[in-house]
Amino acid sequence: MDKPALDLSKLTADEKLELIDDLWRSLSSDDLPLSSEPRAELDRRLDRLEREGPVGVPWEDVRAEMTTRES
């Protein structure tokens, strides 16, 4: 397979992150070698996420609190 020339040093941080995201999304679950134990843990976590929704503090709330503390 021919690889296109890509000078990573010329990419911005945002472009590099976008490239990483594109590469990650291009992988199928079969491309990720996981033994049964980590796979089962990921399945449990995905099931919990589907049942309970995301947990944590939204970025906007964290940012607002940090801004308030700096003042």
N, C-alpha and C. Protein backbone atom coordinates (compact mmCIF):
# COMPACT_ATOMS: atom_id res chain seq x y z
N MET A 1 0.84 -1.18 0.00
CA MET A 1 0.00 0.00 0.00
C MET A 1 0.89 1.23 0.00
N ASP A 2 0.68 2.12 -0.96
CA ASP A 2 1.41 3.37 -1.01
C ASP A 2 0.87 4.31 0.06
N LYS A 3 1.80 4.96 0.76
CA LYS A 3 1.40 5.91 1.79
C LYS A 3 1.57 7.32 1.25
N PRO A 4 0.54 8.14 1.40
CA PRO A 4 0.68 9.52 0.94
C PRO A 4 1.68 10.26 1.82
N ALA A 5 2.40 11.18 1.22
CA ALA A 5 3.35 11.98 1.98
C ALA A 5 2.57 12.91 2.89
N LEU A 6 2.92 12.89 4.16
CA LEU A 6 2.24 13.74 5.13
C LEU A 6 3.29 14.27 6.09
N ASP A 7 3.52 15.55 6.07
CA ASP A 7 4.49 16.17 6.95
C ASP A 7 3.77 16.60 8.22
N LEU A 8 3.85 15.76 9.24
CA LEU A 8 3.14 16.03 10.49
C LEU A 8 3.59 17.32 11.15
N SER A 9 4.83 17.71 10.92
CA SER A 9 5.34 18.93 11.55
C SER A 9 4.63 20.18 11.03
N LYS A 10 3.97 20.08 9.90
CA LYS A 10 3.27 21.24 9.34
C LYS A 10 1.81 21.31 9.76
N LEU A 11 1.34 20.31 10.46
CA LEU A 11 -0.06 20.31 10.91
C LEU A 11 -0.19 21.09 12.21
N THR A 12 -1.31 21.77 12.36
CA THR A 12 -1.60 22.43 13.63
C THR A 12 -2.03 21.37 14.64
N ALA A 13 -2.10 21.76 15.90
CA ALA A 13 -2.55 20.83 16.93
C ALA A 13 -3.96 20.34 16.63
N ASP A 14 -4.83 21.24 16.20
CA ASP A 14 -6.21 20.83 15.87
C ASP A 14 -6.24 19.85 14.71
N GLU A 15 -5.40 20.07 13.71
CA GLU A 15 -5.35 19.16 12.57
C GLU A 15 -4.83 17.79 12.98
N LYS A 16 -3.85 17.77 13.88
CA LYS A 16 -3.31 16.49 14.37
C LYS A 16 -4.38 15.73 15.15
N LEU A 17 -5.12 16.45 15.99
CA LEU A 17 -6.18 15.80 16.76
C LEU A 17 -7.28 15.27 15.84
N GLU A 18 -7.59 16.02 14.80
CA GLU A 18 -8.59 15.56 13.84
C GLU A 18 -8.11 14.30 13.12
N LEU A 19 -6.83 14.27 12.78
CA LEU A 19 -6.26 13.09 12.13
C LEU A 19 -6.32 11.88 13.05
N ILE A 20 -5.98 12.08 14.32
CA ILE A 20 -6.06 11.00 15.30
C ILE A 20 -7.49 10.48 15.39
N ASP A 21 -8.44 11.40 15.46
CA ASP A 21 -9.85 11.01 15.55
C ASP A 21 -10.28 10.24 14.31
N ASP A 22 -9.87 10.71 13.14
CA ASP A 22 -10.21 10.01 11.89
C ASP A 22 -9.63 8.60 11.88
N LEU A 23 -8.38 8.47 12.31
CA LEU A 23 -7.74 7.15 12.34
C LEU A 23 -8.45 6.23 13.32
N TRP A 24 -8.76 6.75 14.50
CA TRP A 24 -9.42 5.94 15.53
C TRP A 24 -10.78 5.45 15.04
N ARG A 25 -11.54 6.34 14.43
CA ARG A 25 -12.88 5.99 13.94
C ARG A 25 -12.82 5.01 12.77
N SER A 26 -11.68 4.98 12.09
CA SER A 26 -11.57 4.07 10.94
C SER A 26 -11.34 2.62 11.36
N LEU A 27 -11.01 2.41 12.63
CA LEU A 27 -10.79 1.05 13.13
C LEU A 27 -12.13 0.39 13.45
N SER A 28 -12.25 -0.87 13.16
CA SER A 28 -13.44 -1.61 13.58
C SER A 28 -13.11 -2.30 14.90
N SER A 29 -14.12 -2.75 15.60
CA SER A 29 -13.88 -3.42 16.88
C SER A 29 -13.03 -4.67 16.70
N ASP A 30 -13.08 -5.27 15.52
CA ASP A 30 -12.26 -6.45 15.26
C ASP A 30 -10.78 -6.11 15.13
N ASP A 31 -10.47 -4.84 14.87
CA ASP A 31 -9.09 -4.41 14.75
C ASP A 31 -8.41 -4.22 16.11
N LEU A 32 -9.19 -4.20 17.17
CA LEU A 32 -8.66 -3.94 18.50
C LEU A 32 -8.53 -5.25 19.26
N PRO A 33 -7.30 -5.73 19.42
CA PRO A 33 -7.12 -7.02 20.09
C PRO A 33 -7.33 -6.91 21.60
N LEU A 34 -8.44 -7.43 22.07
CA LEU A 34 -8.74 -7.44 23.50
C LEU A 34 -9.04 -8.86 23.93
N SER A 35 -8.52 -9.21 25.09
CA SER A 35 -8.87 -10.52 25.64
C SER A 35 -10.29 -10.44 26.18
N SER A 36 -10.82 -11.55 26.61
CA SER A 36 -12.22 -11.59 27.04
C SER A 36 -12.46 -10.73 28.29
N GLU A 37 -11.49 -10.65 29.20
CA GLU A 37 -11.70 -9.88 30.43
C GLU A 37 -11.85 -8.37 30.16
N PRO A 38 -10.92 -7.74 29.45
CA PRO A 38 -11.13 -6.31 29.15
C PRO A 38 -12.36 -6.07 28.28
N ARG A 39 -12.65 -6.97 27.37
CA ARG A 39 -13.83 -6.82 26.51
C ARG A 39 -15.09 -6.85 27.37
N ALA A 40 -15.14 -7.77 28.35
CA ALA A 40 -16.31 -7.86 29.24
C ALA A 40 -16.46 -6.58 30.06
N GLU A 41 -15.34 -6.02 30.53
CA GLU A 41 -15.39 -4.78 31.31
C GLU A 41 -15.91 -3.62 30.45
N LEU A 42 -15.45 -3.53 29.22
CA LEU A 42 -15.94 -2.50 28.32
C LEU A 42 -17.43 -2.66 28.06
N ASP A 43 -17.87 -3.89 27.88
CA ASP A 43 -19.30 -4.15 27.67
C ASP A 43 -20.11 -3.72 28.89
N ARG A 44 -19.60 -4.02 30.10
CA ARG A 44 -20.30 -3.60 31.33
C ARG A 44 -20.41 -2.08 31.39
N ARG A 45 -19.31 -1.40 31.07
CA ARG A 45 -19.32 0.06 31.12
C ARG A 45 -20.26 0.67 30.08
N LEU A 46 -20.28 0.10 28.89
CA LEU A 46 -21.19 0.59 27.87
C LEU A 46 -22.64 0.36 28.26
N ASP A 47 -22.93 -0.80 28.85
CA ASP A 47 -24.29 -1.08 29.33
C ASP A 47 -24.71 -0.07 30.39
N ARG A 48 -23.79 0.23 31.32
CA ARG A 48 -24.09 1.20 32.38
C ARG A 48 -24.32 2.59 31.78
N LEU A 49 -23.50 2.96 30.82
CA LEU A 49 -23.66 4.26 30.17
C LEU A 49 -25.02 4.36 29.48
N GLU A 50 -25.44 3.29 28.84
CA GLU A 50 -26.75 3.28 28.17
C GLU A 50 -27.89 3.35 29.18
N ARG A 51 -27.73 2.69 30.33
CA ARG A 51 -28.78 2.69 31.37
C ARG A 51 -28.85 4.02 32.09
N GLU A 52 -27.69 4.53 32.54
CA GLU A 52 -27.66 5.66 33.46
C GLU A 52 -27.27 6.99 32.80
N GLY A 53 -26.76 6.92 31.59
CA GLY A 53 -26.30 8.14 30.94
C GLY A 53 -24.91 8.51 31.43
N PRO A 54 -24.35 9.55 30.86
CA PRO A 54 -22.99 9.94 31.24
C PRO A 54 -22.95 10.48 32.67
N VAL A 55 -21.84 10.25 33.33
CA VAL A 55 -21.63 10.78 34.67
C VAL A 55 -20.49 11.78 34.61
N GLY A 56 -20.47 12.66 35.56
CA GLY A 56 -19.41 13.66 35.59
C GLY A 56 -20.01 15.05 35.58
N VAL A 57 -19.12 16.01 35.48
CA VAL A 57 -19.51 17.41 35.49
C VAL A 57 -19.29 17.98 34.09
N PRO A 58 -20.28 18.65 33.53
CA PRO A 58 -20.11 19.22 32.20
C PRO A 58 -18.95 20.23 32.18
N TRP A 59 -18.25 20.28 31.06
CA TRP A 59 -17.10 21.17 30.91
C TRP A 59 -17.47 22.62 31.22
N GLU A 60 -18.63 23.06 30.80
CA GLU A 60 -19.04 24.44 31.03
C GLU A 60 -19.08 24.74 32.53
N ASP A 61 -19.55 23.79 33.34
CA ASP A 61 -19.61 23.98 34.79
C ASP A 61 -18.21 24.03 35.39
N VAL A 62 -17.34 23.14 34.94
CA VAL A 62 -15.96 23.12 35.45
C VAL A 62 -15.27 24.43 35.10
N ARG A 63 -15.42 24.85 33.87
CA ARG A 63 -14.78 26.09 33.42
C ARG A 63 -15.29 27.29 34.21
N ALA A 64 -16.60 27.35 34.43
CA ALA A 64 -17.18 28.46 35.19
C ALA A 64 -16.63 28.47 36.61
N GLU A 65 -16.51 27.30 37.22
CA GLU A 65 -15.98 27.23 38.58
C GLU A 65 -14.52 27.66 38.62
N MET A 66 -13.74 27.24 37.64
CA MET A 66 -12.33 27.62 37.60
C MET A 66 -12.18 29.13 37.41
N THR A 67 -13.02 29.70 36.57
CA THR A 67 -12.97 31.14 36.33
C THR A 67 -13.33 31.90 37.60
N THR A 68 -14.32 31.39 38.33
CA THR A 68 -14.73 32.02 39.58
C THR A 68 -13.62 31.97 40.61
N ARG A 69 -12.92 30.84 40.70
CA ARG A 69 -11.83 30.69 41.67
C ARG A 69 -10.66 31.62 41.37
N GLU A 70 -10.41 31.88 40.09
CA GLU A 70 -9.29 32.74 39.70
C GLU A 70 -9.56 34.20 40.02
N SER A 71 -10.82 34.58 40.12
CA SER A 71 -11.17 35.99 40.35
C SER A 71 -10.96 36.40 41.77
